[in-house]
């Protein structure tokens, strides 16, 4: 069991969340632009927070911010704001 948040683990989750964010930006369901804009903004803000915490050496809060970021993205997928198929990056119905 891994009980530490390492730089490698952070980078893995930064890559996953950045990839997911780029995909949803290109797959907004017609008529959901307002919702998509808010979700993308929140996810992007949490990603920026995660980088800030990482630079300070605060890996715990960086990892937490990454999880919030991806959570926003997944909520948009579950609420049919984004049309995606990748079940490895997203929580698909």
N, C-alpha and C. Protein backbone atom coordinates (compact mmCIF):
# COMPACT_ATOMS: atom_id res chain seq x y z
N UNK A 1 0.85 -1.19 0.00
CA UNK A 1 0.00 0.00 0.00
C UNK A 1 0.89 1.24 0.00
N UNK A 2 0.57 2.16 -0.88
CA UNK A 2 1.32 3.41 -0.94
C UNK A 2 0.63 4.44 -0.06
N UNK A 3 1.38 4.97 0.89
CA UNK A 3 0.77 5.93 1.81
C UNK A 3 1.40 7.32 1.70
N UNK A 4 2.06 7.59 0.59
CA UNK A 4 2.67 8.90 0.38
C UNK A 4 2.26 9.45 -0.98
N UNK A 5 2.12 10.74 -1.03
CA UNK A 5 1.85 11.41 -2.30
C UNK A 5 3.19 11.87 -2.84
N UNK A 6 3.65 11.17 -3.85
CA UNK A 6 4.95 11.46 -4.44
C UNK A 6 4.79 12.41 -5.62
N UNK A 7 5.90 12.97 -6.05
CA UNK A 7 5.89 13.82 -7.23
C UNK A 7 5.40 13.03 -8.44
N UNK A 8 5.82 11.77 -8.55
CA UNK A 8 5.39 10.92 -9.66
C UNK A 8 3.87 10.72 -9.65
N UNK A 9 3.32 10.50 -8.47
CA UNK A 9 1.88 10.31 -8.36
C UNK A 9 1.15 11.60 -8.74
N UNK A 10 1.66 12.73 -8.27
CA UNK A 10 1.05 14.01 -8.63
C UNK A 10 1.08 14.22 -10.14
N UNK A 11 2.22 13.98 -10.75
CA UNK A 11 2.34 14.19 -12.19
C UNK A 11 1.40 13.27 -12.96
N UNK A 12 1.23 12.04 -12.49
CA UNK A 12 0.29 11.11 -13.13
C UNK A 12 -1.11 11.71 -13.13
N UNK A 13 -1.54 12.23 -11.99
CA UNK A 13 -2.88 12.78 -11.88
C UNK A 13 -3.01 14.15 -12.55
N UNK A 14 -1.95 14.93 -12.59
CA UNK A 14 -1.97 16.15 -13.39
C UNK A 14 -2.21 15.80 -14.85
N UNK A 15 -1.49 14.80 -15.35
CA UNK A 15 -1.64 14.39 -16.75
C UNK A 15 -3.04 13.89 -17.05
N UNK A 16 -3.60 13.06 -16.15
CA UNK A 16 -4.95 12.55 -16.35
C UNK A 16 -5.98 13.67 -16.37
N UNK A 17 -5.88 14.58 -15.42
CA UNK A 17 -6.86 15.65 -15.32
C UNK A 17 -6.71 16.65 -16.46
N UNK A 18 -5.48 16.98 -16.82
CA UNK A 18 -5.28 17.86 -17.98
C UNK A 18 -5.84 17.23 -19.25
N UNK A 19 -5.62 15.94 -19.44
CA UNK A 19 -6.15 15.24 -20.62
C UNK A 19 -7.68 15.28 -20.62
N UNK A 20 -8.27 14.99 -19.48
CA UNK A 20 -9.73 14.99 -19.37
C UNK A 20 -10.29 16.39 -19.66
N UNK A 21 -9.63 17.41 -19.15
CA UNK A 21 -10.10 18.78 -19.37
C UNK A 21 -10.04 19.15 -20.85
N UNK A 22 -8.97 18.80 -21.50
CA UNK A 22 -8.84 19.10 -22.93
C UNK A 22 -9.90 18.37 -23.76
N UNK A 23 -10.23 17.17 -23.37
CA UNK A 23 -11.26 16.40 -24.10
C UNK A 23 -12.63 17.02 -23.92
N UNK A 24 -13.00 17.37 -22.68
CA UNK A 24 -14.34 17.93 -22.49
C UNK A 24 -14.50 19.29 -23.16
N UNK A 25 -13.43 20.05 -23.24
CA UNK A 25 -13.51 21.37 -23.91
C UNK A 25 -13.94 21.21 -25.37
N UNK A 26 -13.64 20.07 -25.96
CA UNK A 26 -13.95 19.83 -27.37
C UNK A 26 -15.26 19.04 -27.56
N UNK A 27 -15.89 18.67 -26.45
CA UNK A 27 -17.07 17.79 -26.55
C UNK A 27 -18.24 18.30 -25.71
N UNK A 28 -18.54 19.57 -25.87
CA UNK A 28 -19.67 20.17 -25.15
C UNK A 28 -20.95 19.84 -25.89
N UNK A 29 -21.93 19.37 -25.16
CA UNK A 29 -23.23 19.04 -25.75
C UNK A 29 -23.95 20.33 -26.12
N UNK A 30 -24.54 20.33 -27.30
CA UNK A 30 -25.25 21.51 -27.81
C UNK A 30 -26.27 22.00 -26.78
N UNK A 31 -26.25 23.29 -26.53
CA UNK A 31 -27.18 23.89 -25.59
C UNK A 31 -26.68 23.90 -24.15
N UNK A 32 -25.49 23.35 -23.92
CA UNK A 32 -24.94 23.26 -22.56
C UNK A 32 -23.72 24.17 -22.37
N UNK A 33 -23.58 25.18 -23.20
CA UNK A 33 -22.39 26.04 -23.15
C UNK A 33 -22.23 26.77 -21.83
N UNK A 34 -23.32 27.25 -21.27
CA UNK A 34 -23.24 27.99 -20.00
C UNK A 34 -22.73 27.08 -18.89
N UNK A 35 -23.30 25.90 -18.79
CA UNK A 35 -22.89 24.94 -17.78
C UNK A 35 -21.44 24.50 -18.00
N UNK A 36 -21.11 24.24 -19.26
CA UNK A 36 -19.76 23.79 -19.59
C UNK A 36 -18.73 24.85 -19.21
N UNK A 37 -19.03 26.10 -19.49
CA UNK A 37 -18.11 27.19 -19.18
C UNK A 37 -17.82 27.23 -17.68
N UNK A 38 -18.85 27.10 -16.87
CA UNK A 38 -18.67 27.13 -15.42
C UNK A 38 -17.85 25.94 -14.93
N UNK A 39 -18.15 24.77 -15.44
CA UNK A 39 -17.43 23.56 -15.02
C UNK A 39 -15.97 23.64 -15.44
N UNK A 40 -15.72 24.05 -16.67
CA UNK A 40 -14.35 24.17 -17.17
C UNK A 40 -13.57 25.21 -16.37
N UNK A 41 -14.22 26.31 -16.04
CA UNK A 41 -13.56 27.35 -15.23
C UNK A 41 -13.19 26.83 -13.85
N UNK A 42 -14.12 26.14 -13.21
CA UNK A 42 -13.84 25.61 -11.87
C UNK A 42 -12.74 24.55 -11.92
N UNK A 43 -12.81 23.65 -12.89
CA UNK A 43 -11.78 22.62 -13.02
C UNK A 43 -10.42 23.26 -13.28
N UNK A 44 -10.39 24.26 -14.13
CA UNK A 44 -9.14 24.96 -14.43
C UNK A 44 -8.59 25.67 -13.20
N UNK A 45 -9.46 26.29 -12.43
CA UNK A 45 -9.02 26.98 -11.21
C UNK A 45 -8.43 26.00 -10.20
N UNK A 46 -9.07 24.86 -10.03
CA UNK A 46 -8.53 23.86 -9.11
C UNK A 46 -7.20 23.29 -9.63
N UNK A 47 -7.06 23.15 -10.95
CA UNK A 47 -5.77 22.72 -11.50
C UNK A 47 -4.68 23.75 -11.19
N UNK A 48 -5.01 25.01 -11.33
CA UNK A 48 -4.04 26.07 -11.01
C UNK A 48 -3.69 26.04 -9.52
N UNK A 49 -4.69 25.82 -8.69
CA UNK A 49 -4.43 25.70 -7.25
C UNK A 49 -3.49 24.53 -6.97
N UNK A 50 -3.73 23.42 -7.65
CA UNK A 50 -2.89 22.23 -7.46
C UNK A 50 -1.43 22.54 -7.82
N UNK A 51 -1.21 23.23 -8.91
CA UNK A 51 0.17 23.61 -9.30
C UNK A 51 0.79 24.53 -8.25
N UNK A 52 0.00 25.46 -7.75
CA UNK A 52 0.47 26.37 -6.71
C UNK A 52 0.93 25.58 -5.48
N UNK A 53 0.09 24.66 -5.03
CA UNK A 53 0.45 23.86 -3.85
C UNK A 53 1.67 22.98 -4.13
N UNK A 54 1.73 22.42 -5.32
CA UNK A 54 2.88 21.58 -5.68
C UNK A 54 4.18 22.39 -5.60
N UNK A 55 4.15 23.58 -6.16
CA UNK A 55 5.35 24.44 -6.15
C UNK A 55 5.79 24.79 -4.73
N UNK A 56 4.83 24.87 -3.82
CA UNK A 56 5.14 25.13 -2.41
C UNK A 56 5.60 23.88 -1.68
N UNK A 57 5.53 22.72 -2.35
CA UNK A 57 5.90 21.47 -1.72
C UNK A 57 4.78 20.85 -0.91
N UNK A 58 3.57 21.39 -1.03
CA UNK A 58 2.41 20.91 -0.30
C UNK A 58 1.66 19.90 -1.17
N UNK A 59 2.17 18.67 -1.20
CA UNK A 59 1.63 17.64 -2.08
C UNK A 59 0.24 17.18 -1.65
N UNK A 60 -0.06 17.24 -0.37
CA UNK A 60 -1.38 16.81 0.10
C UNK A 60 -2.46 17.72 -0.46
N UNK A 61 -2.29 19.02 -0.33
CA UNK A 61 -3.30 19.94 -0.86
C UNK A 61 -3.28 19.98 -2.38
N UNK A 62 -2.13 19.75 -2.99
CA UNK A 62 -2.07 19.66 -4.45
C UNK A 62 -2.91 18.48 -4.92
N UNK A 63 -2.77 17.34 -4.26
CA UNK A 63 -3.53 16.16 -4.64
C UNK A 63 -5.03 16.37 -4.40
N UNK A 64 -5.36 17.04 -3.31
CA UNK A 64 -6.77 17.34 -3.03
C UNK A 64 -7.35 18.24 -4.11
N UNK A 65 -6.62 19.27 -4.51
CA UNK A 65 -7.10 20.18 -5.55
C UNK A 65 -7.27 19.45 -6.88
N UNK A 66 -6.36 18.53 -7.18
CA UNK A 66 -6.49 17.73 -8.40
C UNK A 66 -7.77 16.91 -8.38
N UNK A 67 -8.07 16.34 -7.23
CA UNK A 67 -9.28 15.53 -7.12
C UNK A 67 -10.54 16.38 -7.27
N UNK A 68 -10.52 17.59 -6.73
CA UNK A 68 -11.66 18.49 -6.92
C UNK A 68 -11.80 18.84 -8.40
N UNK A 69 -10.69 19.13 -9.06
CA UNK A 69 -10.71 19.47 -10.47
C UNK A 69 -11.35 18.35 -11.29
N UNK A 70 -10.86 17.14 -11.08
CA UNK A 70 -11.41 16.01 -11.85
C UNK A 70 -12.86 15.74 -11.45
N UNK A 71 -13.20 16.00 -10.21
CA UNK A 71 -14.58 15.84 -9.77
C UNK A 71 -15.53 16.77 -10.51
N UNK A 72 -15.10 18.00 -10.72
CA UNK A 72 -15.92 18.94 -11.50
C UNK A 72 -16.11 18.41 -12.92
N UNK A 73 -15.04 17.93 -13.52
CA UNK A 73 -15.12 17.40 -14.88
C UNK A 73 -16.08 16.21 -14.93
N UNK A 74 -15.93 15.29 -14.00
CA UNK A 74 -16.80 14.11 -13.96
C UNK A 74 -18.26 14.49 -13.73
N UNK A 75 -18.50 15.52 -12.93
CA UNK A 75 -19.89 15.93 -12.70
C UNK A 75 -20.51 16.40 -14.01
N UNK A 76 -19.73 17.11 -14.82
CA UNK A 76 -20.25 17.55 -16.12
C UNK A 76 -20.55 16.40 -17.05
N UNK A 77 -19.73 15.37 -16.98
CA UNK A 77 -19.99 14.17 -17.79
C UNK A 77 -21.27 13.49 -17.32
N UNK A 78 -21.39 13.32 -16.02
CA UNK A 78 -22.57 12.63 -15.46
C UNK A 78 -23.86 13.41 -15.69
N UNK A 79 -23.75 14.74 -15.74
CA UNK A 79 -24.94 15.57 -15.94
C UNK A 79 -25.20 15.87 -17.42
N UNK A 80 -24.50 15.15 -18.29
CA UNK A 80 -24.67 15.26 -19.74
C UNK A 80 -24.40 16.67 -20.27
N UNK A 81 -23.35 17.28 -19.74
CA UNK A 81 -22.88 18.56 -20.27
C UNK A 81 -21.83 18.29 -21.35
N UNK A 82 -21.10 17.19 -21.18
CA UNK A 82 -20.06 16.80 -22.12
C UNK A 82 -20.37 15.40 -22.67
N UNK A 83 -20.03 15.19 -23.91
CA UNK A 83 -20.25 13.90 -24.55
C UNK A 83 -18.89 13.22 -24.75
N UNK A 84 -18.56 12.30 -23.87
CA UNK A 84 -17.29 11.59 -23.93
C UNK A 84 -17.52 10.10 -23.79
N UNK A 85 -16.54 9.32 -24.22
CA UNK A 85 -16.67 7.86 -24.23
C UNK A 85 -15.62 7.15 -23.37
N UNK A 86 -14.56 7.81 -22.99
CA UNK A 86 -13.41 7.19 -22.33
C UNK A 86 -13.71 6.89 -20.85
N UNK A 87 -13.96 5.65 -20.54
CA UNK A 87 -14.29 5.26 -19.17
C UNK A 87 -13.05 5.20 -18.26
N UNK A 88 -11.87 5.37 -18.82
CA UNK A 88 -10.66 5.43 -17.99
C UNK A 88 -10.42 6.83 -17.45
N UNK A 89 -10.88 7.84 -18.17
CA UNK A 89 -10.71 9.23 -17.74
C UNK A 89 -11.96 9.81 -17.07
N UNK A 90 -13.11 9.22 -17.37
CA UNK A 90 -14.37 9.80 -16.91
C UNK A 90 -15.26 8.74 -16.28
N UNK A 91 -16.17 9.21 -15.42
CA UNK A 91 -17.20 8.35 -14.86
C UNK A 91 -18.36 8.37 -15.83
N UNK A 92 -18.47 7.32 -16.63
CA UNK A 92 -19.47 7.22 -17.68
C UNK A 92 -20.68 6.47 -17.13
N UNK A 93 -21.86 6.93 -17.52
CA UNK A 93 -23.10 6.25 -17.11
C UNK A 93 -23.17 4.87 -17.71
